[in-house]
Amino acid sequence: MDCPHLRIAVTTNSLIQCDANFVLARQVVFFDVTSDRSEFVDVVHFSKSGKKGPGGGQGKKAGSCVMDDQEDDDGSGRDPLVERVEALKGCSVLFTMGLSDLAAVRLHAEKVFPVKSERVRDIDDVIANVQSLMAAKLPPLWVRRALRGSDGRRLAMEDRQEVY
């Protein structure tokens, strides 16, 4: 994108709604969003054994504990959160149904702002909400901090203020 934008990620099992917890999501969908348009960027599929290519992962079974992300339950020595957090590098905001404190801390270290949704929402509605926040005369501070330039890098504070 050639203007200030947000790269957002949405956790999903259906590919059309924000309907999954961060550690249980089968996919994470990425979009670049400006105040007047959005562009699909990528989708990353996950399975219980890690990140997977096209075709989608199976994720964890329904009813498993959200705190399972703190355990190495497959005995491989692999940290189950690493590939999920790595997939979000370069992203500004994550929309999800929920995440553990450990996941939130790791995302914060990568400068990803997590937003928990209280209900299942269509991805189009999430994007429309972000666009309305960006189009506001004075967007919320978290939106101004998360803005990126055309090269994908975060804008310096003085550049962010000039945008509005």
N, C-alpha and C. Protein backbone atom coordinates (compact mmCIF):
# COMPACT_ATOMS: atom_id res chain seq x y z
N MET A 1 0.85 -1.18 0.00
CA MET A 1 0.00 0.00 0.00
C MET A 1 0.89 1.24 0.00
N ASP A 2 0.43 2.26 -0.69
CA ASP A 2 1.24 3.45 -0.86
C ASP A 2 0.90 4.57 0.12
N CYS A 3 0.04 4.31 1.09
CA CYS A 3 -0.31 5.30 2.08
C CYS A 3 -0.27 4.65 3.46
N PRO A 4 -0.34 5.45 4.52
CA PRO A 4 -0.33 4.85 5.87
C PRO A 4 -1.44 3.82 6.01
N HIS A 5 -1.09 2.69 6.60
CA HIS A 5 -2.04 1.59 6.73
C HIS A 5 -1.74 0.78 7.98
N LEU A 6 -2.65 -0.10 8.31
CA LEU A 6 -2.46 -1.08 9.37
C LEU A 6 -2.43 -2.46 8.74
N ARG A 7 -1.49 -3.28 9.16
CA ARG A 7 -1.53 -4.69 8.79
C ARG A 7 -2.20 -5.39 9.96
N ILE A 8 -3.37 -5.96 9.69
CA ILE A 8 -4.12 -6.64 10.75
C ILE A 8 -4.10 -8.14 10.51
N ALA A 9 -4.24 -8.88 11.59
CA ALA A 9 -4.36 -10.33 11.55
C ALA A 9 -5.65 -10.71 12.27
N VAL A 10 -6.31 -11.74 11.76
CA VAL A 10 -7.57 -12.21 12.36
C VAL A 10 -7.47 -13.72 12.55
N THR A 11 -7.71 -14.19 13.78
CA THR A 11 -7.71 -15.64 14.02
C THR A 11 -9.05 -16.21 13.58
N THR A 12 -8.99 -17.32 12.85
CA THR A 12 -10.22 -17.86 12.28
C THR A 12 -10.13 -19.36 12.06
N ASN A 13 -11.26 -20.01 12.18
CA ASN A 13 -11.38 -21.42 11.78
C ASN A 13 -12.18 -21.52 10.48
N SER A 14 -12.99 -20.50 10.21
CA SER A 14 -13.90 -20.54 9.06
C SER A 14 -13.38 -19.79 7.84
N LEU A 15 -12.38 -18.96 8.01
CA LEU A 15 -11.82 -18.07 6.99
C LEU A 15 -12.75 -16.91 6.63
N ILE A 16 -13.90 -16.78 7.29
CA ILE A 16 -14.79 -15.65 7.01
C ILE A 16 -15.17 -14.88 8.27
N GLN A 17 -14.83 -15.43 9.44
CA GLN A 17 -15.17 -14.78 10.71
C GLN A 17 -13.99 -14.79 11.66
N CYS A 18 -13.97 -13.80 12.56
CA CYS A 18 -13.08 -13.84 13.70
C CYS A 18 -13.79 -14.74 14.71
N ASP A 19 -13.40 -16.03 14.73
CA ASP A 19 -14.16 -17.01 15.49
C ASP A 19 -13.28 -18.00 16.25
N ALA A 20 -12.02 -17.63 16.51
CA ALA A 20 -11.12 -18.58 17.16
C ALA A 20 -10.19 -17.89 18.15
N ASN A 21 -9.82 -18.65 19.16
CA ASN A 21 -8.82 -18.24 20.13
C ASN A 21 -7.45 -18.29 19.46
N PHE A 22 -6.53 -17.47 19.88
CA PHE A 22 -5.19 -17.40 19.28
C PHE A 22 -4.50 -18.76 19.21
N VAL A 23 -4.50 -19.52 20.31
CA VAL A 23 -3.77 -20.80 20.30
C VAL A 23 -4.55 -21.93 19.67
N LEU A 24 -5.86 -21.76 19.50
CA LEU A 24 -6.68 -22.82 18.93
C LEU A 24 -7.02 -22.60 17.45
N ALA A 25 -6.71 -21.44 16.93
CA ALA A 25 -7.09 -21.09 15.56
C ALA A 25 -6.41 -22.00 14.54
N ARG A 26 -7.18 -22.41 13.54
CA ARG A 26 -6.63 -23.19 12.44
C ARG A 26 -5.88 -22.29 11.47
N GLN A 27 -6.32 -21.02 11.37
CA GLN A 27 -5.71 -20.08 10.45
C GLN A 27 -5.61 -18.69 11.06
N VAL A 28 -4.69 -17.92 10.52
CA VAL A 28 -4.62 -16.49 10.77
C VAL A 28 -4.61 -15.83 9.40
N VAL A 29 -5.55 -14.89 9.19
CA VAL A 29 -5.68 -14.19 7.91
C VAL A 29 -5.15 -12.77 8.09
N PHE A 30 -4.38 -12.30 7.09
CA PHE A 30 -3.73 -10.99 7.15
C PHE A 30 -4.30 -10.06 6.08
N PHE A 31 -4.51 -8.79 6.47
CA PHE A 31 -4.99 -7.75 5.55
C PHE A 31 -4.21 -6.47 5.81
N ASP A 32 -3.96 -5.70 4.76
CA ASP A 32 -3.50 -4.32 4.89
C ASP A 32 -4.75 -3.46 4.76
N VAL A 33 -4.93 -2.54 5.72
CA VAL A 33 -6.16 -1.75 5.78
C VAL A 33 -5.81 -0.27 5.84
N THR A 34 -6.44 0.52 4.96
CA THR A 34 -6.39 1.97 5.03
C THR A 34 -7.79 2.45 5.40
N SER A 35 -7.95 3.77 5.50
CA SER A 35 -9.26 4.28 5.90
C SER A 35 -10.32 4.06 4.83
N ASP A 36 -9.92 3.77 3.60
CA ASP A 36 -10.93 3.61 2.55
C ASP A 36 -10.83 2.32 1.73
N ARG A 37 -9.85 1.47 2.01
CA ARG A 37 -9.79 0.19 1.31
C ARG A 37 -9.02 -0.84 2.12
N SER A 38 -9.15 -2.08 1.69
CA SER A 38 -8.40 -3.17 2.35
C SER A 38 -7.89 -4.11 1.27
N GLU A 39 -6.83 -4.80 1.60
CA GLU A 39 -6.20 -5.72 0.64
C GLU A 39 -5.79 -6.99 1.38
N PHE A 40 -6.26 -8.14 0.86
CA PHE A 40 -5.85 -9.42 1.42
C PHE A 40 -4.35 -9.58 1.20
N VAL A 41 -3.64 -10.05 2.25
CA VAL A 41 -2.20 -10.23 2.15
C VAL A 41 -1.83 -11.71 2.14
N ASP A 42 -2.33 -12.47 3.14
CA ASP A 42 -1.90 -13.86 3.27
C ASP A 42 -2.80 -14.58 4.27
N VAL A 43 -2.69 -15.89 4.25
CA VAL A 43 -3.31 -16.73 5.28
C VAL A 43 -2.27 -17.76 5.69
N VAL A 44 -2.14 -17.98 6.99
CA VAL A 44 -1.23 -18.98 7.52
C VAL A 44 -2.07 -20.04 8.20
N HIS A 45 -1.84 -21.31 7.83
CA HIS A 45 -2.57 -22.43 8.39
C HIS A 45 -1.73 -23.09 9.49
N PHE A 46 -2.40 -23.56 10.54
CA PHE A 46 -1.72 -24.22 11.64
C PHE A 46 -2.34 -25.60 11.88
N SER A 47 -1.53 -26.50 12.39
CA SER A 47 -2.02 -27.79 12.85
C SER A 47 -1.43 -28.01 14.24
N LYS A 48 -1.81 -29.08 14.88
CA LYS A 48 -1.30 -29.36 16.23
C LYS A 48 0.22 -29.48 16.22
N SER A 49 0.78 -29.96 15.13
CA SER A 49 2.23 -30.15 15.06
C SER A 49 2.95 -28.92 14.54
N GLY A 50 2.24 -27.82 14.29
CA GLY A 50 2.91 -26.60 13.86
C GLY A 50 2.28 -26.00 12.62
N LYS A 51 2.99 -25.02 12.06
CA LYS A 51 2.51 -24.32 10.88
C LYS A 51 2.44 -25.28 9.71
N LYS A 52 1.46 -25.06 8.85
CA LYS A 52 1.23 -25.95 7.74
C LYS A 52 0.91 -25.14 6.49
N GLY A 53 1.12 -25.72 5.35
CA GLY A 53 0.85 -25.05 4.08
C GLY A 53 -0.63 -25.04 3.76
N PRO A 54 -0.97 -24.82 2.48
CA PRO A 54 -2.37 -24.79 2.07
C PRO A 54 -3.11 -26.07 2.44
N GLY A 55 -4.37 -25.94 2.72
CA GLY A 55 -5.17 -27.11 3.09
C GLY A 55 -5.63 -27.04 4.52
N GLY A 56 -4.98 -26.20 5.33
CA GLY A 56 -5.44 -25.97 6.70
C GLY A 56 -5.00 -27.03 7.68
N GLY A 57 -4.82 -26.58 8.91
CA GLY A 57 -4.48 -27.49 9.99
C GLY A 57 -5.71 -27.89 10.74
N GLN A 58 -5.57 -28.81 11.62
CA GLN A 58 -6.71 -29.28 12.41
C GLN A 58 -6.82 -28.55 13.75
N GLY A 59 -5.73 -27.89 14.18
CA GLY A 59 -5.78 -27.17 15.45
C GLY A 59 -6.01 -28.12 16.61
N LYS A 60 -6.24 -27.57 17.79
CA LYS A 60 -6.53 -28.39 18.97
C LYS A 60 -8.00 -28.72 18.99
N LYS A 61 -8.35 -29.79 19.64
CA LYS A 61 -9.75 -30.20 19.74
C LYS A 61 -10.53 -29.23 20.59
N ALA A 62 -11.77 -29.05 20.25
CA ALA A 62 -12.65 -28.17 21.03
C ALA A 62 -12.69 -28.64 22.47
N GLY A 63 -12.70 -27.69 23.37
CA GLY A 63 -12.77 -28.01 24.78
C GLY A 63 -11.41 -28.13 25.45
N SER A 64 -10.32 -28.03 24.67
CA SER A 64 -9.01 -28.09 25.31
C SER A 64 -8.74 -26.77 26.01
N CYS A 65 -7.86 -26.79 26.94
CA CYS A 65 -7.57 -25.63 27.77
C CYS A 65 -6.75 -24.60 27.01
N VAL A 66 -7.14 -23.34 27.13
CA VAL A 66 -6.41 -22.26 26.49
C VAL A 66 -4.99 -22.19 27.03
N MET A 67 -4.80 -22.57 28.28
CA MET A 67 -3.48 -22.51 28.88
C MET A 67 -2.56 -23.63 28.38
N ASP A 68 -3.06 -24.50 27.51
CA ASP A 68 -2.20 -25.54 26.93
C ASP A 68 -1.05 -24.95 26.14
N ASP A 69 -1.15 -23.67 25.75
CA ASP A 69 -0.07 -23.06 25.00
C ASP A 69 1.19 -22.90 25.84
N GLN A 70 1.09 -23.12 27.15
CA GLN A 70 2.25 -22.99 28.01
C GLN A 70 2.97 -24.33 28.20
N GLU A 71 2.44 -25.36 27.64
CA GLU A 71 3.03 -26.68 27.82
C GLU A 71 3.60 -27.21 26.53
N ASP A 72 4.60 -28.06 26.65
CA ASP A 72 5.14 -28.76 25.50
C ASP A 72 4.47 -30.12 25.50
N ASP A 73 3.25 -30.17 24.92
CA ASP A 73 2.44 -31.38 25.05
C ASP A 73 2.79 -32.47 24.05
N ASP A 74 3.64 -32.18 23.05
CA ASP A 74 3.97 -33.24 22.10
C ASP A 74 5.31 -33.89 22.40
N GLY A 75 6.02 -33.44 23.43
CA GLY A 75 7.27 -34.06 23.84
C GLY A 75 8.45 -33.75 22.93
N SER A 76 8.30 -32.88 21.96
CA SER A 76 9.37 -32.59 21.00
C SER A 76 10.31 -31.49 21.47
N GLY A 77 9.99 -30.80 22.54
CA GLY A 77 10.78 -29.68 22.98
C GLY A 77 10.41 -28.39 22.25
N ARG A 78 9.42 -28.45 21.41
CA ARG A 78 8.95 -27.30 20.63
C ARG A 78 8.00 -26.45 21.47
N ASP A 79 8.21 -25.15 21.43
CA ASP A 79 7.30 -24.23 22.11
C ASP A 79 6.13 -23.97 21.17
N PRO A 80 4.92 -24.36 21.54
CA PRO A 80 3.77 -24.24 20.65
C PRO A 80 3.42 -22.81 20.23
N LEU A 81 3.84 -21.80 20.97
CA LEU A 81 3.51 -20.42 20.62
C LEU A 81 4.47 -19.81 19.60
N VAL A 82 5.67 -20.39 19.48
CA VAL A 82 6.70 -19.76 18.66
C VAL A 82 6.23 -19.52 17.23
N GLU A 83 5.70 -20.55 16.56
CA GLU A 83 5.30 -20.37 15.15
C GLU A 83 4.12 -19.41 15.01
N ARG A 84 3.26 -19.35 15.99
CA ARG A 84 2.13 -18.42 15.91
C ARG A 84 2.60 -16.97 16.07
N VAL A 85 3.48 -16.74 17.03
CA VAL A 85 4.00 -15.39 17.23
C VAL A 85 4.88 -15.00 16.04
N GLU A 86 5.70 -15.91 15.55
CA GLU A 86 6.55 -15.63 14.38
C GLU A 86 5.71 -15.24 13.18
N ALA A 87 4.57 -15.90 12.99
CA ALA A 87 3.70 -15.60 11.84
C ALA A 87 3.19 -14.17 11.88
N LEU A 88 3.13 -13.57 13.07
CA LEU A 88 2.58 -12.23 13.22
C LEU A 88 3.62 -11.12 13.14
N LYS A 89 4.88 -11.46 12.92
CA LYS A 89 5.92 -10.43 12.78
C LYS A 89 5.57 -9.51 11.62
N GLY A 90 5.70 -8.23 11.83
CA GLY A 90 5.37 -7.26 10.81
C GLY A 90 3.91 -6.84 10.83
N CYS A 91 3.14 -7.45 11.70
CA CYS A 91 1.72 -7.15 11.83
C CYS A 91 1.55 -6.08 12.92
N SER A 92 0.51 -5.26 12.81
CA SER A 92 0.26 -4.21 13.80
C SER A 92 -0.75 -4.61 14.85
N VAL A 93 -1.82 -5.29 14.42
CA VAL A 93 -2.93 -5.59 15.31
C VAL A 93 -3.42 -7.01 15.06
N LEU A 94 -3.72 -7.73 16.14
CA LEU A 94 -4.31 -9.07 16.07
C LEU A 94 -5.71 -9.01 16.65
N PHE A 95 -6.70 -9.46 15.86
CA PHE A 95 -8.07 -9.59 16.34
C PHE A 95 -8.32 -11.07 16.61
N THR A 96 -8.76 -11.38 17.83
CA THR A 96 -8.93 -12.76 18.24
C THR A 96 -10.06 -12.87 19.25
N MET A 97 -10.55 -14.09 19.46
CA MET A 97 -11.58 -14.33 20.47
C MET A 97 -10.98 -14.42 21.86
N GLY A 98 -9.69 -14.67 21.96
CA GLY A 98 -9.04 -14.75 23.26
C GLY A 98 -7.60 -15.20 23.13
N LEU A 99 -6.82 -14.92 24.17
CA LEU A 99 -5.44 -15.38 24.23
C LEU A 99 -4.98 -15.36 25.67
N SER A 100 -3.98 -16.17 25.94
CA SER A 100 -3.45 -16.26 27.30
C SER A 100 -2.56 -15.06 27.59
N ASP A 101 -2.26 -14.85 28.86
CA ASP A 101 -1.36 -13.77 29.24
C ASP A 101 0.02 -13.97 28.62
N LEU A 102 0.49 -15.21 28.59
CA LEU A 102 1.80 -15.52 28.01
C LEU A 102 1.82 -15.14 26.53
N ALA A 103 0.77 -15.46 25.80
CA ALA A 103 0.69 -15.11 24.38
C ALA A 103 0.67 -13.59 24.22
N ALA A 104 -0.08 -12.90 25.07
CA ALA A 104 -0.16 -11.43 24.99
C ALA A 104 1.20 -10.80 25.23
N VAL A 105 1.96 -11.31 26.18
CA VAL A 105 3.30 -10.79 26.47
C VAL A 105 4.22 -10.99 25.27
N ARG A 106 4.15 -12.17 24.68
CA ARG A 106 5.00 -12.44 23.51
C ARG A 106 4.60 -11.58 22.32
N LEU A 107 3.33 -11.34 22.13
CA LEU A 107 2.89 -10.47 21.04
C LEU A 107 3.33 -9.03 21.29
N HIS A 108 3.21 -8.59 22.54
CA HIS A 108 3.63 -7.24 22.89
C HIS A 108 5.12 -7.03 22.59
N ALA A 109 5.93 -8.05 22.85
CA ALA A 109 7.37 -7.98 22.57
C ALA A 109 7.63 -7.78 21.07
N GLU A 110 6.72 -8.26 20.24
CA GLU A 110 6.83 -8.09 18.78
C GLU A 110 6.10 -6.84 18.30
N LYS A 111 5.60 -6.03 19.25
CA LYS A 111 4.85 -4.80 18.96
C LYS A 111 3.56 -5.07 18.19
N VAL A 112 2.91 -6.17 18.53
CA VAL A 112 1.59 -6.51 17.97
C VAL A 112 0.56 -6.21 19.06
N PHE A 113 -0.45 -5.43 18.72
CA PHE A 113 -1.49 -5.04 19.67
C PHE A 113 -2.64 -6.03 19.57
N PRO A 114 -2.88 -6.85 20.61
CA PRO A 114 -4.00 -7.80 20.54
C PRO A 114 -5.33 -7.15 20.93
N VAL A 115 -6.37 -7.46 20.15
CA VAL A 115 -7.72 -6.98 20.44
C VAL A 115 -8.61 -8.20 20.58
N LYS A 116 -9.19 -8.39 21.77
CA LYS A 116 -10.08 -9.53 22.00
C LYS A 116 -11.51 -9.14 21.69
N SER A 117 -12.16 -9.98 20.90
CA SER A 117 -13.55 -9.76 20.55
C SER A 117 -14.44 -10.53 21.52
N GLU A 118 -15.53 -9.92 21.92
CA GLU A 118 -16.45 -10.59 22.85
C GLU A 118 -17.40 -11.53 22.15
N ARG A 119 -17.52 -11.37 20.84
CA ARG A 119 -18.44 -12.23 20.07
C ARG A 119 -17.82 -12.52 18.71
N VAL A 120 -18.34 -13.55 18.05
CA VAL A 120 -17.91 -13.89 16.70
C VAL A 120 -18.34 -12.76 15.77
N ARG A 121 -17.41 -12.32 14.92
CA ARG A 121 -17.68 -11.22 13.98
C ARG A 121 -17.16 -11.59 12.60
N ASP A 122 -17.87 -11.17 11.57
CA ASP A 122 -17.37 -11.35 10.21
C ASP A 122 -16.09 -10.56 10.04
N ILE A 123 -15.14 -11.10 9.28
CA ILE A 123 -13.88 -10.39 9.04
C ILE A 123 -14.16 -9.06 8.35
N ASP A 124 -15.15 -9.03 7.45
CA ASP A 124 -15.52 -7.77 6.79
C ASP A 124 -15.95 -6.72 7.80
N ASP A 125 -16.65 -7.12 8.86
CA ASP A 125 -17.07 -6.19 9.91
C ASP A 125 -15.87 -5.68 10.71
N VAL A 126 -14.90 -6.56 10.97
CA VAL A 126 -13.68 -6.17 11.68
C VAL A 126 -12.95 -5.11 10.86
N ILE A 127 -12.80 -5.36 9.56
CA ILE A 127 -12.11 -4.42 8.67
C ILE A 127 -12.87 -3.09 8.61
N ALA A 128 -14.19 -3.13 8.50
CA ALA A 128 -15.00 -1.91 8.45
C ALA A 128 -14.84 -1.09 9.73
N ASN A 129 -14.77 -1.77 10.87
CA ASN A 129 -14.58 -1.08 12.15
C ASN A 129 -13.21 -0.41 12.19
N VAL A 130 -12.17 -1.11 11.74
CA VAL A 130 -10.82 -0.54 11.71
C VAL A 130 -10.81 0.69 10.79
N GLN A 131 -11.46 0.58 9.64
CA GLN A 131 -11.51 1.69 8.70
C GLN A 131 -12.22 2.90 9.29
N SER A 132 -13.29 2.68 10.03
CA SER A 132 -14.00 3.81 10.64
C SER A 132 -13.13 4.46 11.71
N LEU A 133 -12.35 3.69 12.46
CA LEU A 133 -11.44 4.25 13.45
C LEU A 133 -10.35 5.07 12.77
N MET A 134 -9.83 4.55 11.65
CA MET A 134 -8.77 5.25 10.93
C MET A 134 -9.27 6.53 10.28
N ALA A 135 -10.53 6.55 9.86
CA ALA A 135 -11.10 7.72 9.19
C ALA A 135 -11.54 8.81 10.15
N ALA A 136 -11.58 8.49 11.43
CA ALA A 136 -12.00 9.48 12.43
C ALA A 136 -11.06 10.68 12.41
N LYS A 137 -11.59 11.82 12.80
CA LYS A 137 -10.78 13.05 12.82
C LYS A 137 -9.54 12.87 13.69
N LEU A 138 -9.71 12.22 14.82
CA LEU A 138 -8.57 11.90 15.68
C LEU A 138 -8.70 10.43 16.08
N PRO A 139 -8.01 9.54 15.35
CA PRO A 139 -8.10 8.11 15.65
C PRO A 139 -7.57 7.80 17.05
N PRO A 140 -8.00 6.69 17.63
CA PRO A 140 -7.50 6.30 18.95
C PRO A 140 -5.97 6.20 18.94
N LEU A 141 -5.37 6.40 20.08
CA LEU A 141 -3.90 6.37 20.20
C LEU A 141 -3.32 5.06 19.70
N TRP A 142 -3.97 3.93 20.00
CA TRP A 142 -3.41 2.65 19.58
C TRP A 142 -3.37 2.53 18.06
N VAL A 143 -4.33 3.14 17.37
CA VAL A 143 -4.33 3.13 15.91
C VAL A 143 -3.18 4.00 15.40
N ARG A 144 -3.01 5.19 15.97
CA ARG A 144 -1.92 6.07 15.54
C ARG A 144 -0.56 5.43 15.77
N ARG A 145 -0.41 4.72 16.87
CA ARG A 145 0.87 4.06 17.16
C ARG A 145 1.15 2.89 16.22
N ALA A 146 0.12 2.25 15.73
CA ALA A 146 0.28 1.05 14.93
C ALA A 146 0.42 1.32 13.43
N LEU A 147 0.21 2.56 12.99
CA LEU A 147 0.25 2.87 11.56
C LEU A 147 1.60 2.55 10.95
N ARG A 148 1.55 2.09 9.70
CA ARG A 148 2.76 1.75 8.95
C ARG A 148 2.79 2.54 7.65
N GLY A 149 4.01 2.81 7.17
CA GLY A 149 4.18 3.51 5.90
C GLY A 149 4.10 2.56 4.73
N SER A 150 4.34 3.09 3.53
CA SER A 150 4.25 2.28 2.31
C SER A 150 5.29 1.17 2.27
N ASP A 151 6.39 1.32 3.00
CA ASP A 151 7.42 0.28 3.03
C ASP A 151 7.15 -0.79 4.08
N GLY A 152 6.04 -0.68 4.82
CA GLY A 152 5.68 -1.67 5.83
C GLY A 152 6.24 -1.39 7.20
N ARG A 153 7.07 -0.37 7.33
CA ARG A 153 7.66 -0.03 8.63
C ARG A 153 6.74 0.92 9.39
N ARG A 154 6.82 0.83 10.70
CA ARG A 154 6.01 1.73 11.52
C ARG A 154 6.44 3.17 11.27
N LEU A 155 5.45 4.07 11.24
CA LEU A 155 5.74 5.48 11.03
C LEU A 155 6.32 6.08 12.30
N ALA A 156 7.24 7.01 12.13
CA ALA A 156 7.78 7.74 13.27
C ALA A 156 6.64 8.60 13.85
N MET A 157 6.70 8.92 15.12
CA MET A 157 5.63 9.66 15.77
C MET A 157 5.31 10.96 15.03
N GLU A 158 6.34 11.69 14.57
CA GLU A 158 6.08 12.96 13.88
C GLU A 158 5.36 12.72 12.54
N ASP A 159 5.65 11.62 11.86
CA ASP A 159 4.95 11.29 10.62
C ASP A 159 3.50 10.89 10.88
N ARG A 160 3.25 10.23 11.99
CA ARG A 160 1.89 9.82 12.33
C ARG A 160 1.00 11.03 12.55
N GLN A 161 1.55 12.07 13.19
CA GLN A 161 0.76 13.25 13.48
C GLN A 161 0.42 14.01 12.21
N GLU A 162 1.32 13.98 11.21
CA GLU A 162 1.08 14.68 9.95
C GLU A 162 -0.05 14.02 9.15
N VAL A 163 -0.25 12.72 9.33
CA VAL A 163 -1.28 12.01 8.60
C VAL A 163 -2.66 12.56 8.95
N TYR A 164 -2.84 13.02 10.16
CA TYR A 164 -4.16 13.47 10.61
C TYR A 164 -4.13 14.95 10.77
